[in-house]
Amino acid sequence: MDDRYRFRVHEIPPALRPRERLAAQGAKGLSTVELVAVLLGSGTSGEGVLQAADRIVRRHGVARLPELTLQEWIGNRGVGLARGCQMLATFELARRCADRVPEDAVRVSSPREAFAQVRDLARAKKEHLVGLYLDAQNCLIRRETLSIGTLNTTRTHPREVLQPAIAWHALGFILVHNHPSGSLVPSRDDVEFTRAMRRAAEIMGIDLYDHLIVSSEGFVSLKEKGLL
């Protein structure tokens, strides 16, 4: 056990107690044990709340705390039904907040939804390469123009495509480029470039979801054609 957690809260100087530190510094300033102690509220006659929190964290591990069942919480000494329900509700609320999609978020979950974000490229006179960078809920974080006016997309270096994904913490992205000629037929260079970008992205732990070609005739998805 960490020696810091052997003391009961009333034995600790007021400025160093978990609740007081949380009020003064915010939750990020507390250790995991201190956060659990705040949620538990108090210890038992034989064990202080910090000691109890430390025991729970050591027993289950930090990563498992959000997944504990009610029975697992109650299985810890000093955690009854009321406290167990409180812990379960706390982690479920945190999970829902993390999964919440903002009302104004733009979801891009299909080639057609991606095309809706780049319709303007169909009228462009020069070739554009654009990246649509997405979060874990497939919500659009950022649209980035990666190159303009090149003869073909293969002249774009992978670092120019992946840098925005890293900067904006994107989980994945969709590439889009236009064919001013109107053709929607992927060239061999288009396919090779797409596969090279997919391999480069995989190394960085980022997913390339699709590559669209757009023109005045509409769009085509390389993924739907089995070319990704």
C-alpha atoms as a PDB file:
ATOM      1  CA  MET A   1       0.000   0.000   0.000  1.00  0.00           C
ATOM      2  CA  ASP A   2       1.123   3.531  -0.748  1.00  0.00           C
ATOM      3  CA  ASP A   3       2.047   5.182   2.568  1.00  0.00           C
ATOM      4  CA  ARG A   4       0.073   8.277   1.564  1.00  0.00           C
ATOM      5  CA  TYR A   5      -3.176   6.335   1.892  1.00  0.00           C
ATOM      6  CA  ARG A   6      -2.594   4.835   5.355  1.00  0.00           C
ATOM      7  CA  PHE A   7      -3.909   7.974   7.030  1.00  0.00           C
ATOM      8  CA  ARG A   8      -7.553   8.741   7.684  1.00  0.00           C
ATOM      9  CA  VAL A   9      -8.846  11.906   6.088  1.00  0.00           C
ATOM     10  CA  HIS A  10      -9.139  13.755   9.418  1.00  0.00           C
ATOM     11  CA  GLU A  11      -5.435  13.053  10.035  1.00  0.00           C
ATOM     12  CA  ILE A  12      -4.431  14.831   6.824  1.00  0.00           C
ATOM     13  CA  PRO A  13      -3.958  18.634   6.717  1.00  0.00           C
ATOM     14  CA  PRO A  14      -7.149  20.215   5.307  1.00  0.00           C
ATOM     15  CA  ALA A  15      -5.402  21.564   2.200  1.00  0.00           C
ATOM     16  CA  LEU A  16      -4.244  18.029   1.263  1.00  0.00           C
ATOM     17  CA  ARG A  17      -7.575  16.235   1.693  1.00  0.00           C
ATOM     18  CA  PRO A  18      -9.090  14.877  -1.562  1.00  0.00           C
ATOM     19  CA  ARG A  19     -12.296  16.918  -1.519  1.00  0.00           C
ATOM     20  CA  GLU A  20     -10.493  20.140  -0.646  1.00  0.00           C
ATOM     21  CA  ARG A  21      -7.862  19.522  -3.331  1.00  0.00           C
ATOM     22  CA  LEU A  22     -10.565  18.766  -5.893  1.00  0.00           C
ATOM     23  CA  ALA A  23     -12.342  22.030  -5.050  1.00  0.00           C
ATOM     24  CA  ALA A  24      -9.116  24.024  -5.252  1.00  0.00           C
ATOM     25  CA  GLN A  25      -7.318  22.320  -8.169  1.00  0.00           C
ATOM     26  CA  GLY A  26      -9.982  20.463 -10.118  1.00  0.00           C
ATOM     27  CA  ALA A  27     -10.425  16.723 -10.599  1.00  0.00           C
ATOM     28  CA  LYS A  28      -7.369  16.349 -12.853  1.00  0.00           C
ATOM     29  CA  GLY A  29      -5.100  17.133  -9.926  1.00  0.00           C
ATOM     30  CA  LEU A  30      -6.190  14.047  -7.976  1.00  0.00           C
ATOM     31  CA  SER A  31      -4.835  10.523  -8.216  1.00  0.00           C
ATOM     32  CA  THR A  32      -7.145   7.662  -9.179  1.00  0.00           C
ATOM     33  CA  VAL A  33      -7.250   6.495  -5.562  1.00  0.00           C
ATOM     34  CA  GLU A  34      -8.238   9.977  -4.392  1.00  0.00           C
ATOM     35  CA  LEU A  35     -11.006  10.175  -7.013  1.00  0.00           C
ATOM     36  CA  VAL A  36     -12.407   6.821  -5.906  1.00  0.00           C
ATOM     37  CA  ALA A  37     -12.187   7.996  -2.283  1.00  0.00           C
ATOM     38  CA  VAL A  38     -14.241  11.093  -3.107  1.00  0.00           C
ATOM     39  CA  LEU A  39     -16.905   8.903  -4.722  1.00  0.00           C
ATOM     40  CA  LEU A  40     -16.973   6.480  -1.781  1.00  0.00           C
ATOM     41  CA  GLY A  41     -17.392   9.401   0.605  1.00  0.00           C
ATOM     42  CA  SER A  42     -16.218   7.710   3.802  1.00  0.00           C
ATOM     43  CA  GLY A  43     -14.479   4.648   5.123  1.00  0.00           C
ATOM     44  CA  THR A  44     -15.465   2.192   7.833  1.00  0.00           C
ATOM     45  CA  SER A  45     -14.647   1.932  11.521  1.00  0.00           C
ATOM     46  CA  GLY A  46     -11.650  -0.223  10.726  1.00  0.00           C
ATOM     47  CA  GLU A  47     -10.451   1.388   7.508  1.00  0.00           C
ATOM     48  CA  GLY A  48     -10.130   4.942   6.226  1.00  0.00           C
ATOM     49  CA  VAL A  49     -11.668   5.919   2.890  1.00  0.00           C
ATOM     50  CA  LEU A  50      -8.272   6.407   1.217  1.00  0.00           C
ATOM     51  CA  GLN A  51      -7.142   2.985   2.358  1.00  0.00           C
ATOM     52  CA  ALA A  52     -10.389   1.451   1.080  1.00  0.00           C
ATOM     53  CA  ALA A  53     -10.054   3.215  -2.266  1.00  0.00           C
ATOM     54  CA  ASP A  54      -6.443   2.088  -2.601  1.00  0.00           C
ATOM     55  CA  ARG A  55      -7.463  -1.510  -1.885  1.00  0.00           C
ATOM     56  CA  ILE A  56     -10.216  -1.386  -4.527  1.00  0.00           C
ATOM     57  CA  VAL A  57      -7.948   0.100  -7.192  1.00  0.00           C
ATOM     58  CA  ARG A  58      -5.223  -2.459  -6.470  1.00  0.00           C
ATOM     59  CA  ARG A  59      -7.686  -5.345  -6.509  1.00  0.00           C
ATOM     60  CA  HIS A  60      -9.423  -4.533  -9.787  1.00  0.00           C
ATOM     61  CA  GLY A  61      -7.000  -2.259 -11.645  1.00  0.00           C
ATOM     62  CA  VAL A  62      -7.831   1.171 -13.019  1.00  0.00           C
ATOM     63  CA  ALA A  63      -8.884  -0.077 -16.468  1.00  0.00           C
ATOM     64  CA  ARG A  64     -11.541  -2.434 -15.031  1.00  0.00           C
ATOM     65  CA  LEU A  65     -13.255   0.036 -12.722  1.00  0.00           C
ATOM     66  CA  PRO A  66     -15.744   1.305 -15.351  1.00  0.00           C
ATOM     67  CA  GLU A  67     -16.729  -2.291 -16.197  1.00  0.00           C
ATOM     68  CA  LEU A  68     -17.356  -3.628 -12.675  1.00  0.00           C
ATOM     69  CA  THR A  69     -20.826  -5.032 -12.059  1.00  0.00           C
ATOM     70  CA  LEU A  70     -22.940  -4.112  -9.074  1.00  0.00           C
ATOM     71  CA  GLN A  71     -22.106  -7.429  -7.430  1.00  0.00           C
ATOM     72  CA  GLU A  72     -18.387  -6.834  -7.940  1.00  0.00           C
ATOM     73  CA  TRP A  73     -18.643  -3.415  -6.297  1.00  0.00           C
ATOM     74  CA  ILE A  74     -20.597  -4.843  -3.368  1.00  0.00           C
ATOM     75  CA  GLY A  75     -17.980  -7.575  -3.072  1.00  0.00           C
ATOM     76  CA  ASN A  76     -15.522  -4.991  -1.790  1.00  0.00           C
ATOM     77  CA  ARG A  77     -15.452  -4.578   1.988  1.00  0.00           C
ATOM     78  CA  GLY A  78     -17.252  -1.426   3.047  1.00  0.00           C
ATOM     79  CA  VAL A  79     -19.172  -1.023  -0.221  1.00  0.00           C
ATOM     80  CA  GLY A  80     -22.846  -1.713   0.336  1.00  0.00           C
ATOM     81  CA  LEU A  81     -25.789  -1.549  -2.038  1.00  0.00           C
ATOM     82  CA  ALA A  82     -26.084   2.259  -1.920  1.00  0.00           C
ATOM     83  CA  ARG A  83     -22.397   2.876  -2.608  1.00  0.00           C
ATOM     84  CA  GLY A  84     -22.269   0.144  -5.217  1.00  0.00           C
ATOM     85  CA  CYS A  85     -25.169   1.717  -7.099  1.00  0.00           C
ATOM     86  CA  GLN A  86     -23.518   5.124  -6.805  1.00  0.00           C
ATOM     87  CA  MET A  87     -20.274   3.852  -8.344  1.00  0.00           C
ATOM     88  CA  LEU A  88     -22.132   2.033 -11.117  1.00  0.00           C
ATOM     89  CA  ALA A  89     -24.177   5.135 -11.932  1.00  0.00           C
ATOM     90  CA  THR A  90     -21.085   7.354 -11.932  1.00  0.00           C
ATOM     91  CA  PHE A  91     -19.208   5.290 -14.496  1.00  0.00           C
ATOM     92  CA  GLU A  92     -22.311   4.801 -16.674  1.00  0.00           C
ATOM     93  CA  LEU A  93     -22.888   8.562 -16.740  1.00  0.00           C
ATOM     94  CA  ALA A  94     -19.244   9.142 -17.675  1.00  0.00           C
ATOM     95  CA  ARG A  95     -19.577   6.591 -20.471  1.00  0.00           C
ATOM     96  CA  ARG A  96     -22.698   8.264 -21.861  1.00  0.00           C
ATOM     97  CA  CYS A  97     -21.053  11.679 -21.768  1.00  0.00           C
ATOM     98  CA  ALA A  98     -18.029  10.318 -23.641  1.00  0.00           C
ATOM     99  CA  ASP A  99     -20.261   8.719 -26.287  1.00  0.00           C
ATOM    100  CA  ARG A 100     -22.509  11.754 -26.727  1.00  0.00           C
ATOM    101  CA  VAL A 101     -22.534  13.222 -30.208  1.00  0.00           C
ATOM    102  CA  PRO A 102     -22.964  17.025 -30.328  1.00  0.00           C
ATOM    103  CA  GLU A 103     -26.235  18.156 -31.900  1.00  0.00           C
ATOM    104  CA  ASP A 104     -24.401  20.060 -34.627  1.00  0.00           C
ATOM    105  CA  ALA A 105     -22.023  17.203 -35.438  1.00  0.00           C
ATOM    106  CA  VAL A 106     -21.826  16.030 -39.057  1.00  0.00           C
ATOM    107  CA  ARG A 107     -21.760  12.248 -39.375  1.00  0.00           C
ATOM    108  CA  VAL A 108     -19.922  10.719 -42.300  1.00  0.00           C
ATOM    109  CA  SER A 109     -20.777   7.015 -42.250  1.00  0.00           C
ATOM    110  CA  SER A 110     -21.189   6.257 -45.952  1.00  0.00           C
ATOM    111  CA  PRO A 111     -19.734   7.291 -49.320  1.00  0.00           C
ATOM    112  CA  ARG A 112     -22.855   9.352 -50.051  1.00  0.00           C
ATOM    113  CA  GLU A 113     -22.513  11.263 -46.768  1.00  0.00           C
ATOM    114  CA  ALA A 114     -18.856  11.892 -47.604  1.00  0.00           C
ATOM    115  CA  PHE A 115     -19.820  13.134 -51.064  1.00  0.00           C
ATOM    116  CA  ALA A 116     -22.267  15.579 -49.471  1.00  0.00           C
ATOM    117  CA  GLN A 117     -19.284  17.285 -47.807  1.00  0.00           C
ATOM    118  CA  VAL A 118     -17.315  17.718 -51.047  1.00  0.00           C
ATOM    119  CA  ARG A 119     -19.931  18.448 -53.722  1.00  0.00           C
ATOM    120  CA  ASP A 120     -18.105  21.679 -54.560  1.00  0.00           C
ATOM    121  CA  LEU A 121     -15.196  19.669 -55.985  1.00  0.00           C
ATOM    122  CA  ALA A 122     -17.421  18.478 -58.839  1.00  0.00           C
ATOM    123  CA  ARG A 123     -17.186  21.977 -60.357  1.00  0.00           C
ATOM    124  CA  ALA A 124     -13.477  22.549 -59.731  1.00  0.00           C
ATOM    125  CA  LYS A 125     -11.339  23.196 -62.811  1.00  0.00           C
ATOM    126  CA  LYS A 126      -8.173  21.908 -61.154  1.00  0.00           C
ATOM    127  CA  GLU A 127      -7.615  18.623 -59.395  1.00  0.00           C
ATOM    128  CA  HIS A 128      -7.993  18.838 -55.603  1.00  0.00           C
ATOM    129  CA  LEU A 129      -7.040  16.227 -53.015  1.00  0.00           C
ATOM    130  CA  VAL A 130      -9.102  16.611 -49.843  1.00  0.00           C
ATOM    131  CA  GLY A 131      -9.088  14.724 -46.546  1.00  0.00           C
ATOM    132  CA  LEU A 132     -12.154  14.283 -44.335  1.00  0.00           C
ATOM    133  CA  TYR A 133     -10.926  13.517 -40.805  1.00  0.00           C
ATOM    134  CA  LEU A 134     -13.307  11.692 -38.467  1.00  0.00           C
ATOM    135  CA  ASP A 135     -13.590  10.883 -34.768  1.00  0.00           C
ATOM    136  CA  ALA A 136     -14.619   7.610 -33.112  1.00  0.00           C
ATOM    137  CA  GLN A 137     -18.315   8.299 -33.842  1.00  0.00           C
ATOM    138  CA  ASN A 138     -17.611   9.026 -37.533  1.00  0.00           C
ATOM    139  CA  CYS A 139     -18.252  12.715 -36.929  1.00  0.00           C
ATOM    140  CA  LEU A 140     -16.390  15.154 -39.124  1.00  0.00           C
ATOM    141  CA  ILE A 141     -13.583  16.866 -37.218  1.00  0.00           C
ATOM    142  CA  ARG A 142     -11.919  18.643 -40.096  1.00  0.00           C
ATOM    143  CA  ARG A 143     -11.960  18.991 -43.869  1.00  0.00           C
ATOM    144  CA  GLU A 144      -8.450  19.646 -45.153  1.00  0.00           C
ATOM    145  CA  THR A 145      -7.339  20.521 -48.681  1.00  0.00           C
ATOM    146  CA  LEU A 146      -4.104  18.591 -49.150  1.00  0.00           C
ATOM    147  CA  SER A 147      -3.098  19.604 -52.668  1.00  0.00           C
ATOM    148  CA  ILE A 148      -4.404  21.596 -55.633  1.00  0.00           C
ATOM    149  CA  GLY A 149      -3.535  21.532 -59.298  1.00  0.00           C
ATOM    150  CA  THR A 150      -1.264  18.487 -59.467  1.00  0.00           C
ATOM    151  CA  LEU A 151      -1.553  16.183 -62.430  1.00  0.00           C
ATOM    152  CA  ASN A 152      -2.242  13.211 -60.205  1.00  0.00           C
ATOM    153  CA  THR A 153      -2.655  12.393 -56.515  1.00  0.00           C
ATOM    154  CA  THR A 154       0.458  10.216 -56.355  1.00  0.00           C
ATOM    155  CA  ARG A 155       2.598  13.334 -56.015  1.00  0.00           C
ATOM    156  CA  THR A 156       1.176  13.913 -52.511  1.00  0.00           C
ATOM    157  CA  HIS A 157       3.419  12.520 -49.761  1.00  0.00           C
ATOM    158  CA  PRO A 158       1.810  10.388 -47.018  1.00  0.00           C
ATOM    159  CA  ARG A 159       3.062  12.770 -44.315  1.00  0.00           C
ATOM    160  CA  GLU A 160       0.984  15.581 -45.835  1.00  0.00           C
ATOM    161  CA  VAL A 161      -2.120  13.401 -45.548  1.00  0.00           C
ATOM    162  CA  LEU A 162      -1.429  11.967 -42.099  1.00  0.00           C
ATOM    163  CA  GLN A 163      -0.247  15.159 -40.383  1.00  0.00           C
ATOM    164  CA  PRO A 164      -3.789  16.604 -40.068  1.00  0.00           C
ATOM    165  CA  ALA A 165      -5.059  13.260 -38.746  1.00  0.00           C
ATOM    166  CA  ILE A 166      -2.430  13.349 -36.014  1.00  0.00           C
ATOM    167  CA  ALA A 167      -2.932  17.046 -35.271  1.00  0.00           C
ATOM    168  CA  TRP A 168      -6.718  16.701 -34.944  1.00  0.00           C
ATOM    169  CA  HIS A 169      -6.628  13.307 -33.144  1.00  0.00           C
ATOM    170  CA  ALA A 170      -8.672  11.645 -35.885  1.00  0.00           C
ATOM    171  CA  LEU A 171      -9.431   7.950 -35.630  1.00  0.00           C
ATOM    172  CA  GLY A 172      -9.747   7.642 -39.391  1.00  0.00           C
ATOM    173  CA  PHE A 173     -10.164   9.605 -42.585  1.00  0.00           C
ATOM    174  CA  ILE A 174     -11.574   9.576 -46.106  1.00  0.00           C
ATOM    175  CA  LEU A 175      -9.649  10.802 -49.130  1.00  0.00           C
ATOM    176  CA  VAL A 176     -11.444  12.604 -51.943  1.00  0.00           C
ATOM    177  CA  HIS A 177     -10.131  13.894 -55.242  1.00  0.00           C
ATOM    178  CA  ASN A 178     -11.846  15.208 -58.324  1.00  0.00           C
ATOM    179  CA  HIS A 179     -11.441  14.494 -62.004  1.00  0.00           C
ATOM    180  CA  PRO A 180     -12.001  17.763 -63.913  1.00  0.00           C
ATOM    181  CA  SER A 181     -12.349  15.678 -67.083  1.00  0.00           C
ATOM    182  CA  GLY A 182     -15.635  14.271 -65.767  1.00  0.00           C
ATOM    183  CA  SER A 183     -14.435  10.667 -65.750  1.00  0.00           C
ATOM    184  CA  LEU A 184     -15.249   8.548 -62.711  1.00  0.00           C
ATOM    185  CA  VAL A 185     -12.960   5.686 -63.692  1.00  0.00           C
ATOM    186  CA  PRO A 186     -10.156   5.176 -61.121  1.00  0.00           C
ATOM    187  CA  SER A 187      -6.743   5.133 -62.767  1.00  0.00           C
ATOM    188  CA  ARG A 188      -4.044   2.646 -61.837  1.00  0.00           C
ATOM    189  CA  ASP A 189      -2.210   5.513 -60.095  1.00  0.00           C
ATOM    190  CA  ASP A 190      -5.352   6.282 -58.076  1.00  0.00           C
ATOM    191  CA  VAL A 191      -5.559   2.680 -56.867  1.00  0.00           C
ATOM    192  CA  GLU A 192      -1.843   2.376 -56.086  1.00  0.00           C
ATOM    193  CA  PHE A 193      -1.840   5.695 -54.240  1.00  0.00           C
ATOM    194  CA  THR A 194      -4.877   4.650 -52.184  1.00  0.00           C
ATOM    195  CA  ARG A 195      -3.316   1.353 -51.141  1.00  0.00           C
ATOM    196  CA  ALA A 196      -0.007   3.026 -50.296  1.00  0.00           C
ATOM    197  CA  MET A 197      -1.841   5.565 -48.120  1.00  0.00           C
ATOM    198  CA  ARG A 198      -3.768   2.786 -46.376  1.00  0.00           C
ATOM    199  CA  ARG A 199      -0.511   1.006 -45.499  1.00  0.00           C
ATOM    200  CA  ALA A 200       1.110   4.234 -44.260  1.00  0.00           C
ATOM    201  CA  ALA A 201      -1.945   5.058 -42.144  1.00  0.00           C
ATOM    202  CA  GLU A 202      -2.029   1.575 -40.600  1.00  0.00           C
ATOM    203  CA  ILE A 203       1.517   2.050 -39.338  1.00  0.00           C
ATOM    204  CA  MET A 204       0.308   5.152 -37.464  1.00  0.00           C
ATOM    205  CA  GLY A 205      -2.763   3.355 -36.096  1.00  0.00           C
ATOM    206  CA  ILE A 206      -5.119   5.436 -38.262  1.00  0.00           C
ATOM    207  CA  ASP A 207      -7.747   3.989 -40.627  1.00  0.00           C
ATOM    208  CA  LEU A 208      -8.261   5.028 -44.231  1.00  0.00           C
ATOM    209  CA  TYR A 209     -11.986   4.355 -44.627  1.00  0.00           C
ATOM    210  CA  ASP A 210     -12.440   5.173 -48.298  1.00  0.00           C
ATOM    211  CA  HIS A 211     -11.240   7.158 -51.295  1.00  0.00           C
ATOM    212  CA  LEU A 212     -13.820   8.928 -53.410  1.00  0.00           C
ATOM    213  CA  ILE A 213     -13.432  10.236 -56.933  1.00  0.00           C
ATOM    214  CA  VAL A 214     -15.878  13.010 -57.761  1.00  0.00           C
ATOM    215  CA  SER A 215     -16.734  14.812 -60.970  1.00  0.00           C
ATOM    216  CA  SER A 216     -19.631  16.555 -62.668  1.00  0.00           C
ATOM    217  CA  GLU A 217     -21.049  13.056 -63.235  1.00  0.00           C
ATOM    218  CA  GLY A 218     -21.266  12.224 -59.529  1.00  0.00           C
ATOM    219  CA  PHE A 219     -18.903  10.117 -57.449  1.00  0.00           C
ATOM    220  CA  VAL A 220     -17.421   6.665 -57.101  1.00  0.00           C
ATOM    221  CA  SER A 221     -16.117   4.899 -53.991  1.00  0.00           C
ATOM    222  CA  LEU A 222     -12.932   2.851 -54.333  1.00  0.00           C
ATOM    223  CA  LYS A 223     -13.956   0.866 -51.253  1.00  0.00           C
ATOM    224  CA  GLU A 224     -17.305  -0.099 -52.790  1.00  0.00           C
ATOM    225  CA  LYS A 225     -15.457  -1.159 -55.937  1.00  0.00           C
ATOM    226  CA  GLY A 226     -13.152  -3.373 -53.881  1.00  0.00           C
ATOM    227  CA  LEU A 227     -10.088  -1.331 -54.788  1.00  0.00           C
ATOM    228  CA  LEU A 228      -9.128  -0.196 -51.287  1.00  0.00           C
END
